[in-house]
Amino acid sequence: MGAVYLYSLRSLDSEEAMKTAVVTGVSTGIGRQIAETLVTQGYMVFGSVRSQRDATRVTKEIGKNFKALVFDVTREDEVLASVKTVKKYLGNRKLDALVNNAGIAVIGSVQGLTSEEFKHQFDVNLMGVFHCVQAYADLLGADQEREGQSGKIINISSVSGKTGMPFMSAYNMSKFGLEGFSEALRREFQFYGIDVAVIAPGPVKTPIWEKFDPEGLTKRHSNSPMREPLQRMLAYSDAMSDKGCSPARIADCVVDILSNRKEGARYTIDTTAGQQRILSILPTRMGDRMIGSQLGLRRK
C-alpha cells in the first residue's frame, strides 16, 4: 500500500522537546479524535492512514504538530518503514506513546463468513497491533540507550473483548485476543519500563459500523434460517450506536492515562452498560438463553 509519507522533520533539542505519540487509524472516528486531542494537549502526533489522499486531507485538517504516516497495519514492511520517519524526529529520545486504534468489524454468521473475511478480521485487529508493537518497541524504550522515560502503549479494545455475541464471532475473537495479548505484553514489558493499558469502549458513535454493508449482509443470508435473528442483531446494534459514547470520551481517557491521572490496566467506557452488567451477574447458561430469546435464536 504506499510508502511512508515523509516530511522534512528535524530532531528537537531536549529543552524544546514535545511529547510524542504514534496513533494508528486516524482517518476517521476514534483515532481521528485521539490525534486531534493529543495535538491540543501539546503532543507531536504521528497518525497512520492507508492512502496518500487521506494523509493530505487529515494533515490539512489537523494542522500543526501532526504528521501523517501512510501504512496498512496488516503490512509488516510498511509498518517497519514508518518507523524511520518517527525515529528521525525523535533523534535519541524515546517515543512517549503508541496508541493502537486501527480496527474493523466483520459481522456475520459463522456459516456465512468466508475464511478470507475471518482471517482479515484477525489480521487487522490483532496482527496489526502485533506489527506496530514490534516495530515501535525500541523507540518506546526497549532500546535502553535512548534518552528519557519509557513510553506507554494503549490498545483500543472493546466490551466485545470480554463478552461474546451472536454474529460477531470474528470481531469477538480479535478483541478477546487483543485483551490477552495486552495482559501478557504489560507483564513482559515491565522489563523495559513500558506500561500497557487497554481502553474498552461499548457502542461508539463512529464510522467503524459504516464500513460493512448491512443490506449486502442480509442478502447473503437471505436463504439462511438465521436471517431474522441477524436482522434483529443489526437493528439492535444501530440503536445502541445511536446511544453510544462520543469518541471524545475515549480520547480524554487516553490523555488521562498518558498524564498518569489514570493508572489502571483496563478502562471500560460504556454508556449502555445495562446488559453487560446483567450478563456479568447471570450464570453463563442463563445469559445464553436471554440473548437467544432477544434475537430469536432459541430452538423451538
C-alpha atoms as a PDB file:
ATOM      1  CA  MET A   1       0.000   0.000   0.000  1.00  0.00           C
ATOM      2  CA  GLY A   2       2.073   3.154  -0.329  1.00  0.00           C
ATOM      3  CA  ALA A   3       5.324   4.207   1.102  1.00  0.00           C
ATOM      4  CA  VAL A   4       5.667   6.266   4.228  1.00  0.00           C
ATOM      5  CA  TYR A   5       4.591   9.866   3.741  1.00  0.00           C
ATOM      6  CA  LEU A   6       7.872  11.615   4.507  1.00  0.00           C
ATOM      7  CA  TYR A   7       8.240  15.151   5.755  1.00  0.00           C
ATOM      8  CA  SER A   8      11.108  17.475   6.379  1.00  0.00           C
ATOM      9  CA  LEU A   9      11.477  16.711  10.059  1.00  0.00           C
ATOM     10  CA  ARG A  10      14.161  17.772  12.458  1.00  0.00           C
ATOM     11  CA  SER A  11      15.166  16.338  15.781  1.00  0.00           C
ATOM     12  CA  LEU A  12      14.398  18.707  18.634  1.00  0.00           C
ATOM     13  CA  ASP A  13      16.817  19.725  21.368  1.00  0.00           C
ATOM     14  CA  SER A  14      15.843  18.479  24.817  1.00  0.00           C
ATOM     15  CA  GLU A  15      14.647  21.890  26.032  1.00  0.00           C
ATOM     16  CA  GLU A  16      12.351  22.194  23.008  1.00  0.00           C
ATOM     17  CA  ALA A  17      11.157  18.588  23.112  1.00  0.00           C
ATOM     18  CA  MET A  18       7.434  17.907  22.802  1.00  0.00           C
ATOM     19  CA  LYS A  19       5.663  14.790  23.959  1.00  0.00           C
ATOM     20  CA  THR A  20       5.310  12.380  21.048  1.00  0.00           C
ATOM     21  CA  ALA A  21       2.696   9.798  20.073  1.00  0.00           C
ATOM     22  CA  VAL A  22       2.013   7.379  17.236  1.00  0.00           C
ATOM     23  CA  VAL A  23      -1.715   6.724  16.717  1.00  0.00           C
ATOM     24  CA  THR A  24      -2.976   4.185  14.181  1.00  0.00           C
ATOM     25  CA  GLY A  25      -6.154   4.589  12.146  1.00  0.00           C
ATOM     26  CA  VAL A  26      -6.645   8.359  12.307  1.00  0.00           C
ATOM     27  CA  SER A  27      -8.607   8.979   9.106  1.00  0.00           C
ATOM     28  CA  THR A  28     -11.965   8.970  10.937  1.00  0.00           C
ATOM     29  CA  GLY A  29     -13.703   8.168  14.196  1.00  0.00           C
ATOM     30  CA  ILE A  30     -11.919   7.328  17.430  1.00  0.00           C
ATOM     31  CA  GLY A  31      -8.402   7.546  16.025  1.00  0.00           C
ATOM     32  CA  ARG A  32      -9.054  10.920  14.460  1.00  0.00           C
ATOM     33  CA  GLN A  33     -10.389  12.278  17.765  1.00  0.00           C
ATOM     34  CA  ILE A  34      -7.426  10.876  19.711  1.00  0.00           C
ATOM     35  CA  ALA A  35      -4.978  12.516  17.302  1.00  0.00           C
ATOM     36  CA  GLU A  36      -6.733  15.895  17.479  1.00  0.00           C
ATOM     37  CA  THR A  37      -6.988  15.784  21.273  1.00  0.00           C
ATOM     38  CA  LEU A  38      -3.333  14.887  21.763  1.00  0.00           C
ATOM     39  CA  VAL A  39      -2.294  17.759  19.495  1.00  0.00           C
ATOM     40  CA  THR A  40      -4.302  20.173  21.656  1.00  0.00           C
ATOM     41  CA  GLN A  41      -2.508  18.717  24.685  1.00  0.00           C
ATOM     42  CA  GLY A  42       0.866  19.667  23.238  1.00  0.00           C
ATOM     43  CA  TYR A  43       1.850  16.381  21.607  1.00  0.00           C
ATOM     44  CA  MET A  44       3.592  15.883  18.301  1.00  0.00           C
ATOM     45  CA  VAL A  45       1.336  13.221  16.772  1.00  0.00           C
ATOM     46  CA  PHE A  46       2.226  10.779  14.015  1.00  0.00           C
ATOM     47  CA  GLY A  47      -1.008   9.259  12.716  1.00  0.00           C
ATOM     48  CA  SER A  48      -1.426   6.348  10.341  1.00  0.00           C
ATOM     49  CA  VAL A  49      -3.748   6.357   7.346  1.00  0.00           C
ATOM     50  CA  ARG A  50      -3.929   3.948   4.418  1.00  0.00           C
ATOM     51  CA  SER A  51      -3.831   6.329   1.467  1.00  0.00           C
ATOM     52  CA  GLN A  52      -1.942   9.387   0.320  1.00  0.00           C
ATOM     53  CA  ARG A  53      -5.271  11.140  -0.215  1.00  0.00           C
ATOM     54  CA  ASP A  54      -6.203  10.647   3.449  1.00  0.00           C
ATOM     55  CA  ALA A  55      -2.714  11.739   4.504  1.00  0.00           C
ATOM     56  CA  THR A  56      -3.114  15.047   2.687  1.00  0.00           C
ATOM     57  CA  ARG A  57      -6.666  15.607   3.942  1.00  0.00           C
ATOM     58  CA  VAL A  58      -6.041  14.779   7.607  1.00  0.00           C
ATOM     59  CA  THR A  59      -2.784  16.736   7.728  1.00  0.00           C
ATOM     60  CA  LYS A  60      -4.561  19.809   6.370  1.00  0.00           C
ATOM     61  CA  GLU A  61      -7.487  19.434   8.779  1.00  0.00           C
ATOM     62  CA  ILE A  62      -5.479  18.814  11.961  1.00  0.00           C
ATOM     63  CA  GLY A  63      -2.677  21.189  11.047  1.00  0.00           C
ATOM     64  CA  LYS A  64       0.371  21.976  13.128  1.00  0.00           C
ATOM     65  CA  ASN A  65       2.093  19.255  15.159  1.00  0.00           C
ATOM     66  CA  PHE A  66       0.572  16.401  13.155  1.00  0.00           C
ATOM     67  CA  LYS A  67       2.403  14.246  10.620  1.00  0.00           C
ATOM     68  CA  ALA A  68       0.718  11.504   8.612  1.00  0.00           C
ATOM     69  CA  LEU A  69       2.241   8.074   8.085  1.00  0.00           C
ATOM     70  CA  VAL A  70       0.858   6.040   5.197  1.00  0.00           C
ATOM     71  CA  PHE A  71       0.716   2.350   6.002  1.00  0.00           C
ATOM     72  CA  ASP A  72      -1.627  -0.602   6.314  1.00  0.00           C
ATOM     73  CA  VAL A  73      -1.248  -2.256   9.725  1.00  0.00           C
ATOM     74  CA  THR A  74      -1.546  -5.680   8.077  1.00  0.00           C
ATOM     75  CA  ARG A  75       1.588  -4.984   6.015  1.00  0.00           C
ATOM     76  CA  GLU A  76       4.587  -5.527   8.260  1.00  0.00           C
ATOM     77  CA  ASP A  77       7.022  -3.988   5.773  1.00  0.00           C
ATOM     78  CA  GLU A  78       5.023  -0.751   5.621  1.00  0.00           C
ATOM     79  CA  VAL A  79       4.784  -0.512   9.404  1.00  0.00           C
ATOM     80  CA  LEU A  80       8.546  -1.007   9.734  1.00  0.00           C
ATOM     81  CA  ALA A  81       9.193   1.647   7.079  1.00  0.00           C
ATOM     82  CA  SER A  82       7.119   4.181   9.025  1.00  0.00           C
ATOM     83  CA  VAL A  83       9.490   3.930  11.986  1.00  0.00           C
ATOM     84  CA  LYS A  84      12.165   5.797  10.017  1.00  0.00           C
ATOM     85  CA  THR A  85      10.094   8.992   9.941  1.00  0.00           C
ATOM     86  CA  VAL A  86       9.383   8.929  13.675  1.00  0.00           C
ATOM     87  CA  LYS A  87      12.958   7.969  14.524  1.00  0.00           C
ATOM     88  CA  LYS A  88      14.292  10.913  12.519  1.00  0.00           C
ATOM     89  CA  TYR A  89      12.129  13.308  14.509  1.00  0.00           C
ATOM     90  CA  LEU A  90      12.985  11.789  17.895  1.00  0.00           C
ATOM     91  CA  GLY A  91      16.730  11.736  17.493  1.00  0.00           C
ATOM     92  CA  ASN A  92      17.958   9.831  20.547  1.00  0.00           C
ATOM     93  CA  ARG A  93      14.801  10.397  22.615  1.00  0.00           C
ATOM     94  CA  LYS A  94      12.133   7.837  23.431  1.00  0.00           C
ATOM     95  CA  LEU A  95       8.627   7.804  21.992  1.00  0.00           C
ATOM     96  CA  ASP A  96       6.060   8.685  24.661  1.00  0.00           C
ATOM     97  CA  ALA A  97       3.058   6.755  23.366  1.00  0.00           C
ATOM     98  CA  LEU A  98       1.808   4.198  20.873  1.00  0.00           C
ATOM     99  CA  VAL A  99      -1.993   4.092  20.578  1.00  0.00           C
ATOM    100  CA  ASN A 100      -3.168   1.038  18.640  1.00  0.00           C
ATOM    101  CA  ASN A 101      -6.587   2.096  17.410  1.00  0.00           C
ATOM    102  CA  ALA A 102      -6.872   0.845  13.807  1.00  0.00           C
ATOM    103  CA  GLY A 103      -9.599  -1.754  13.533  1.00  0.00           C
ATOM    104  CA  ILE A 104     -12.542  -3.123  11.575  1.00  0.00           C
ATOM    105  CA  ALA A 105     -15.688  -5.092  12.413  1.00  0.00           C
ATOM    106  CA  VAL A 106     -16.531  -8.194  10.367  1.00  0.00           C
ATOM    107  CA  ILE A 107     -20.136  -9.218  11.018  1.00  0.00           C
ATOM    108  CA  GLY A 108     -21.991 -12.362  10.003  1.00  0.00           C
ATOM    109  CA  SER A 109     -22.918 -15.889  10.989  1.00  0.00           C
ATOM    110  CA  VAL A 110     -20.114 -18.412  11.341  1.00  0.00           C
ATOM    111  CA  GLN A 111     -21.572 -20.362   8.415  1.00  0.00           C
ATOM    112  CA  GLY A 112     -21.953 -17.221   6.313  1.00  0.00           C
ATOM    113  CA  LEU A 113     -18.422 -15.846   6.654  1.00  0.00           C
ATOM    114  CA  THR A 114     -15.622 -16.832   4.325  1.00  0.00           C
ATOM    115  CA  SER A 115     -12.212 -17.916   5.583  1.00  0.00           C
ATOM    116  CA  GLU A 116     -10.752 -14.795   3.981  1.00  0.00           C
ATOM    117  CA  GLU A 117     -13.149 -12.496   5.874  1.00  0.00           C
ATOM    118  CA  PHE A 118     -12.443 -14.230   9.162  1.00  0.00           C
ATOM    119  CA  LYS A 119      -8.691 -14.050   8.614  1.00  0.00           C
ATOM    120  CA  HIS A 120      -8.843 -10.392   7.571  1.00  0.00           C
ATOM    121  CA  GLN A 121     -10.569  -9.540  10.853  1.00  0.00           C
ATOM    122  CA  PHE A 122      -7.741 -11.228  12.742  1.00  0.00           C
ATOM    123  CA  ASP A 123      -5.055  -9.622  10.566  1.00  0.00           C
ATOM    124  CA  VAL A 124      -6.284  -6.060  11.130  1.00  0.00           C
ATOM    125  CA  ASN A 125      -7.398  -6.124  14.756  1.00  0.00           C
ATOM    126  CA  LEU A 126      -4.726  -8.376  16.224  1.00  0.00           C
ATOM    127  CA  MET A 127      -1.795  -8.922  13.870  1.00  0.00           C
ATOM    128  CA  GLY A 128      -1.855  -5.189  13.106  1.00  0.00           C
ATOM    129  CA  VAL A 129      -1.283  -4.443  16.790  1.00  0.00           C
ATOM    130  CA  PHE A 130       1.497  -7.024  16.934  1.00  0.00           C
ATOM    131  CA  HIS A 131       3.225  -5.437  13.923  1.00  0.00           C
ATOM    132  CA  CYS A 132       3.081  -1.958  15.455  1.00  0.00           C
ATOM    133  CA  VAL A 133       4.240  -3.040  18.913  1.00  0.00           C
ATOM    134  CA  GLN A 134       7.152  -4.969  17.478  1.00  0.00           C
ATOM    135  CA  ALA A 135       8.138  -2.130  15.135  1.00  0.00           C
ATOM    136  CA  TYR A 136       7.967   0.656  17.738  1.00  0.00           C
ATOM    137  CA  ALA A 137       9.195  -1.219  20.834  1.00  0.00           C
ATOM    138  CA  ASP A 138      12.760   0.098  20.542  1.00  0.00           C
ATOM    139  CA  LEU A 139      11.600   3.712  20.279  1.00  0.00           C
ATOM    140  CA  LEU A 140       9.287   3.255  23.261  1.00  0.00           C
ATOM    141  CA  GLY A 141      12.159   2.124  25.457  1.00  0.00           C
ATOM    142  CA  ALA A 142      13.238  -1.403  24.571  1.00  0.00           C
ATOM    143  CA  ASP A 143      16.384   0.295  23.241  1.00  0.00           C
ATOM    144  CA  GLN A 144      17.656   1.413  26.616  1.00  0.00           C
ATOM    145  CA  GLU A 145      20.335   3.599  25.054  1.00  0.00           C
ATOM    146  CA  ARG A 146      17.614   6.101  24.226  1.00  0.00           C
ATOM    147  CA  GLU A 147      17.093   9.097  26.491  1.00  0.00           C
ATOM    148  CA  GLY A 148      14.037   9.846  28.611  1.00  0.00           C
ATOM    149  CA  GLN A 149      11.279   7.912  30.310  1.00  0.00           C
ATOM    150  CA  SER A 150       9.922   4.795  28.633  1.00  0.00           C
ATOM    151  CA  GLY A 151       6.662   5.262  26.762  1.00  0.00           C
ATOM    152  CA  LYS A 152       3.206   3.739  27.101  1.00  0.00           C
ATOM    153  CA  ILE A 153       1.167   1.508  24.826  1.00  0.00           C
ATOM    154  CA  ILE A 154      -2.615   1.971  24.768  1.00  0.00           C
ATOM    155  CA  ASN A 155      -4.638  -0.653  22.925  1.00  0.00           C
ATOM    156  CA  ILE A 156      -8.205   0.221  21.940  1.00  0.00           C
ATOM    157  CA  SER A 157     -10.215  -2.927  22.578  1.00  0.00           C
ATOM    158  CA  SER A 158     -13.972  -3.247  23.160  1.00  0.00           C
ATOM    159  CA  VAL A 159     -16.519  -4.625  25.596  1.00  0.00           C
ATOM    160  CA  SER A 160     -16.654  -7.327  22.911  1.00  0.00           C
ATOM    161  CA  GLY A 161     -13.260  -8.424  24.223  1.00  0.00           C
ATOM    162  CA  LYS A 162     -14.988  -9.864  27.283  1.00  0.00           C
ATOM    163  CA  THR A 163     -18.486 -10.783  26.045  1.00  0.00           C
ATOM    164  CA  GLY A 164     -19.284 -12.918  23.006  1.00  0.00           C
ATOM    165  CA  MET A 165     -22.357 -12.124  20.919  1.00  0.00           C
ATOM    166  CA  PRO A 166     -24.086 -13.932  18.023  1.00  0.00           C
ATOM    167  CA  PHE A 167     -22.945 -12.885  14.523  1.00  0.00           C
ATOM    168  CA  MET A 168     -19.875 -11.164  15.981  1.00  0.00           C
ATOM    169  CA  SER A 169     -17.663 -14.224  16.406  1.00  0.00           C
ATOM    170  CA  ALA A 170     -14.862 -12.881  14.203  1.00  0.00           C
ATOM    171  CA  TYR A 171     -14.855  -9.498  15.938  1.00  0.00           C
ATOM    172  CA  ASN A 172     -15.085 -11.149  19.365  1.00  0.00           C
ATOM    173  CA  MET A 173     -12.165 -13.415  18.512  1.00  0.00           C
ATOM    174  CA  SER A 174      -9.994 -10.461  17.560  1.00  0.00           C
ATOM    175  CA  LYS A 175     -10.852  -8.441  20.675  1.00  0.00           C
ATOM    176  CA  PHE A 176     -10.598 -11.382  23.089  1.00  0.00           C
ATOM    177  CA  GLY A 177      -7.172 -11.984  21.554  1.00  0.00           C
ATOM    178  CA  LEU A 178      -6.212  -8.343  21.966  1.00  0.00           C
ATOM    179  CA  GLU A 179      -7.150  -8.449  25.649  1.00  0.00           C
ATOM    180  CA  GLY A 180      -4.930 -11.485  26.234  1.00  0.00           C
ATOM    181  CA  PHE A 181      -2.090 -10.031  24.192  1.00  0.00           C
ATOM    182  CA  SER A 182      -2.282  -6.769  26.140  1.00  0.00           C
ATOM    183  CA  GLU A 183      -2.138  -8.505  29.514  1.00  0.00           C
ATOM    184  CA  ALA A 184       0.833 -10.639  28.502  1.00  0.00           C
ATOM    185  CA  LEU A 185       2.572  -7.634  26.948  1.00  0.00           C
ATOM    186  CA  ARG A 186       2.063  -5.467  30.031  1.00  0.00           C
ATOM    187  CA  ARG A 187       3.716  -8.079  32.218  1.00  0.00           C
ATOM    188  CA  GLU A 188       6.528  -8.753  29.753  1.00  0.00           C
ATOM    189  CA  PHE A 189       7.359  -5.102  29.020  1.00  0.00           C
ATOM    190  CA  GLN A 190       7.793  -4.303  32.714  1.00  0.00           C
ATOM    191  CA  PHE A 191      11.380  -5.216  31.907  1.00  0.00           C
ATOM    192  CA  TYR A 192      11.716  -2.057  29.792  1.00  0.00           C
ATOM    193  CA  GLY A 193       9.517   0.176  31.936  1.00  0.00           C
ATOM    194  CA  ILE A 194       6.943   0.297  29.106  1.00  0.00           C
ATOM    195  CA  ASP A 195       3.402   0.301  30.507  1.00  0.00           C
ATOM    196  CA  VAL A 196       0.424  -1.157  28.629  1.00  0.00           C
ATOM    197  CA  ALA A 197      -3.222  -0.173  29.154  1.00  0.00           C
ATOM    198  CA  VAL A 198      -6.474  -1.156  27.456  1.00  0.00           C
ATOM    199  CA  ILE A 199      -9.485   1.052  26.742  1.00  0.00           C
ATOM    200  CA  ALA A 200     -12.627  -0.999  26.091  1.00  0.00           C
ATOM    201  CA  PRO A 201     -15.499   1.103  24.718  1.00  0.00           C
ATOM    202  CA  GLY A 202     -19.058  -0.073  24.404  1.00  0.00           C
ATOM    203  CA  PRO A 203     -21.117   1.271  21.472  1.00  0.00           C
ATOM    204  CA  VAL A 204     -19.462   4.357  19.980  1.00  0.00           C
ATOM    205  CA  LYS A 205     -20.746   6.940  17.531  1.00  0.00           C
ATOM    206  CA  THR A 206     -18.091   6.045  14.986  1.00  0.00           C
ATOM    207  CA  PRO A 207     -17.863   5.110  11.286  1.00  0.00           C
ATOM    208  CA  ILE A 208     -16.480   1.605  12.046  1.00  0.00           C
ATOM    209  CA  TRP A 209     -20.003   0.197  11.637  1.00  0.00           C
ATOM    210  CA  GLU A 210     -20.412   2.024   8.336  1.00  0.00           C
ATOM    211  CA  LYS A 211     -17.545   0.073   6.778  1.00  0.00           C
ATOM    212  CA  PHE A 212     -19.682  -3.004   6.168  1.00  0.00           C
ATOM    213  CA  ASP A 213     -22.820  -3.341   4.086  1.00  0.00           C
ATOM    214  CA  PRO A 214     -25.833  -4.407   6.210  1.00  0.00           C
ATOM    215  CA  GLU A 215     -28.068  -4.797   3.155  1.00  0.00           C
ATOM    216  CA  GLY A 216     -25.481  -6.957   1.439  1.00  0.00           C
ATOM    217  CA  LEU A 217     -25.021  -8.953   4.629  1.00  0.00           C
ATOM    218  CA  THR A 218     -28.764  -9.559   4.898  1.00  0.00           C
ATOM    219  CA  LYS A 219     -28.910 -10.542   1.220  1.00  0.00           C
ATOM    220  CA  ARG A 220     -26.126 -13.081   1.698  1.00  0.00           C
ATOM    221  CA  HIS A 221     -28.198 -14.625   4.476  1.00  0.00           C
ATOM    222  CA  SER A 222     -31.482 -14.452   2.521  1.00  0.00           C
ATOM    223  CA  ASN A 223     -31.780 -18.245   2.401  1.00  0.00           C
ATOM    224  CA  SER A 224     -30.430 -18.787   5.890  1.00  0.00           C
ATOM    225  CA  PRO A 225     -32.733 -19.766   8.763  1.00  0.00           C
ATOM    226  CA  MET A 226     -30.758 -17.185  10.772  1.00  0.00           C
ATOM    227  CA  ARG A 227     -31.825 -14.297   8.542  1.00  0.00           C
ATOM    228  CA  GLU A 228     -34.322 -12.817  11.020  1.00  0.00           C
ATOM    229  CA  PRO A 229     -32.039 -13.125  14.088  1.00  0.00           C
ATOM    230  CA  LEU A 230     -29.291 -11.411  12.088  1.00  0.00           C
ATOM    231  CA  GLN A 231     -31.637  -8.556  11.176  1.00  0.00           C
ATOM    232  CA  ARG A 232     -32.589  -8.175  14.836  1.00  0.00           C
ATOM    233  CA  MET A 233     -28.929  -8.009  15.828  1.00  0.00           C
ATOM    234  CA  LEU A 234     -28.215  -5.329  13.202  1.00  0.00           C
ATOM    235  CA  ALA A 235     -31.208  -3.274  14.356  1.00  0.00           C
ATOM    236  CA  TYR A 236     -30.071  -3.606  17.969  1.00  0.00           C
ATOM    237  CA  SER A 237     -26.519  -2.530  17.037  1.00  0.00           C
ATOM    238  CA  ASP A 238     -27.854   0.536  15.213  1.00  0.00           C
ATOM    239  CA  ALA A 239     -29.958   1.518  18.217  1.00  0.00           C
ATOM    240  CA  MET A 240     -27.031   1.090  20.608  1.00  0.00           C
ATOM    241  CA  SER A 241     -24.686   3.093  18.353  1.00  0.00           C
ATOM    242  CA  ASP A 242     -27.141   5.998  18.397  1.00  0.00           C
ATOM    243  CA  LYS A 243     -26.923   5.961  22.205  1.00  0.00           C
ATOM    244  CA  GLY A 244     -23.185   5.317  22.238  1.00  0.00           C
ATOM    245  CA  CYS A 245     -20.446   7.435  23.727  1.00  0.00           C
ATOM    246  CA  SER A 246     -18.612  10.053  21.704  1.00  0.00           C
ATOM    247  CA  PRO A 247     -15.039   9.436  20.501  1.00  0.00           C
ATOM    248  CA  ALA A 248     -14.074  12.452  22.639  1.00  0.00           C
ATOM    249  CA  ARG A 249     -14.649  10.436  25.822  1.00  0.00           C
ATOM    250  CA  ILE A 250     -12.199   7.809  24.641  1.00  0.00           C
ATOM    251  CA  ALA A 251      -9.665  10.460  23.640  1.00  0.00           C
ATOM    252  CA  ASP A 252      -9.953  12.046  27.089  1.00  0.00           C
ATOM    253  CA  CYS A 253      -9.248   8.660  28.663  1.00  0.00           C
ATOM    254  CA  VAL A 254      -6.101   8.354  26.524  1.00  0.00           C
ATOM    255  CA  VAL A 255      -4.920  11.744  27.790  1.00  0.00           C
ATOM    256  CA  ASP A 256      -5.614  10.758  31.399  1.00  0.00           C
ATOM    257  CA  ILE A 257      -3.621   7.532  31.028  1.00  0.00           C
ATOM    258  CA  LEU A 258      -0.663   9.294  29.429  1.00  0.00           C
ATOM    259  CA  SER A 259      -0.674  12.021  32.081  1.00  0.00           C
ATOM    260  CA  ASN A 260      -0.803   9.399  34.880  1.00  0.00           C
ATOM    261  CA  ARG A 261      -4.189  10.640  36.093  1.00  0.00           C
ATOM    262  CA  LYS A 262      -5.344   7.077  35.467  1.00  0.00           C
ATOM    263  CA  GLU A 263      -3.045   4.244  36.494  1.00  0.00           C
ATOM    264  CA  GLY A 264      -5.225   1.174  35.944  1.00  0.00           C
ATOM    265  CA  ALA A 265      -4.663  -1.545  33.380  1.00  0.00           C
ATOM    266  CA  ARG A 266      -8.117  -1.511  31.719  1.00  0.00           C
ATOM    267  CA  TYR A 267     -10.870   1.075  31.348  1.00  0.00           C
ATOM    268  CA  THR A 268     -14.409   0.379  30.155  1.00  0.00           C
ATOM    269  CA  ILE A 269     -16.341   3.281  28.637  1.00  0.00           C
ATOM    270  CA  ASP A 270     -19.916   2.180  28.032  1.00  0.00           C
ATOM    271  CA  THR A 271     -22.969   4.439  28.073  1.00  0.00           C
ATOM    272  CA  THR A 272     -25.269   1.433  27.527  1.00  0.00           C
ATOM    273  CA  ALA A 273     -23.749  -0.888  30.105  1.00  0.00           C
ATOM    274  CA  GLY A 274     -27.010  -2.306  31.489  1.00  0.00           C
ATOM    275  CA  GLN A 275     -26.971  -5.590  29.562  1.00  0.00           C
ATOM    276  CA  GLN A 276     -23.240  -6.045  30.138  1.00  0.00           C
ATOM    277  CA  ARG A 277     -23.799  -5.747  33.888  1.00  0.00           C
ATOM    278  CA  ILE A 278     -26.684  -8.211  33.776  1.00  0.00           C
ATOM    279  CA  LEU A 279     -24.633 -10.725  31.782  1.00  0.00           C
ATOM    280  CA  SER A 280     -21.739 -10.423  34.220  1.00  0.00           C
ATOM    281  CA  ILE A 281     -24.060 -11.356  37.103  1.00  0.00           C
ATOM    282  CA  LEU A 282     -26.126 -14.097  35.484  1.00  0.00           C
ATOM    283  CA  PRO A 283     -24.953 -17.710  35.226  1.00  0.00           C
ATOM    284  CA  THR A 284     -23.489 -18.240  31.756  1.00  0.00           C
ATOM    285  CA  ARG A 285     -26.256 -20.539  30.511  1.00  0.00           C
ATOM    286  CA  MET A 286     -28.925 -18.113  31.674  1.00  0.00           C
ATOM    287  CA  GLY A 287     -27.179 -15.344  29.737  1.00  0.00           C
ATOM    288  CA  ASP A 288     -27.187 -17.600  26.671  1.00  0.00           C
ATOM    289  CA  ARG A 289     -30.939 -18.060  26.975  1.00  0.00           C
ATOM    290  CA  MET A 290     -31.559 -14.347  27.479  1.00  0.00           C
ATOM    291  CA  ILE A 291     -29.617 -13.367  24.346  1.00  0.00           C
ATOM    292  CA  GLY A 292     -31.114 -16.238  22.376  1.00  0.00           C
ATOM    293  CA  SER A 293     -34.629 -15.123  23.280  1.00  0.00           C
ATOM    294  CA  GLN A 294     -33.928 -11.483  22.410  1.00  0.00           C
ATOM    295  CA  LEU A 295     -32.637 -12.368  18.944  1.00  0.00           C
ATOM    296  CA  GLY A 296     -34.934 -15.289  18.192  1.00  0.00           C
ATOM    297  CA  LEU A 297     -32.178 -17.888  18.324  1.00  0.00           C
ATOM    298  CA  ARG A 298     -33.792 -20.241  20.831  1.00  0.00           C
ATOM    299  CA  ARG A 299     -34.589 -23.612  19.305  1.00  0.00           C
ATOM    300  CA  LYS A 300     -38.341 -24.170  19.277  1.00  0.00           C
END
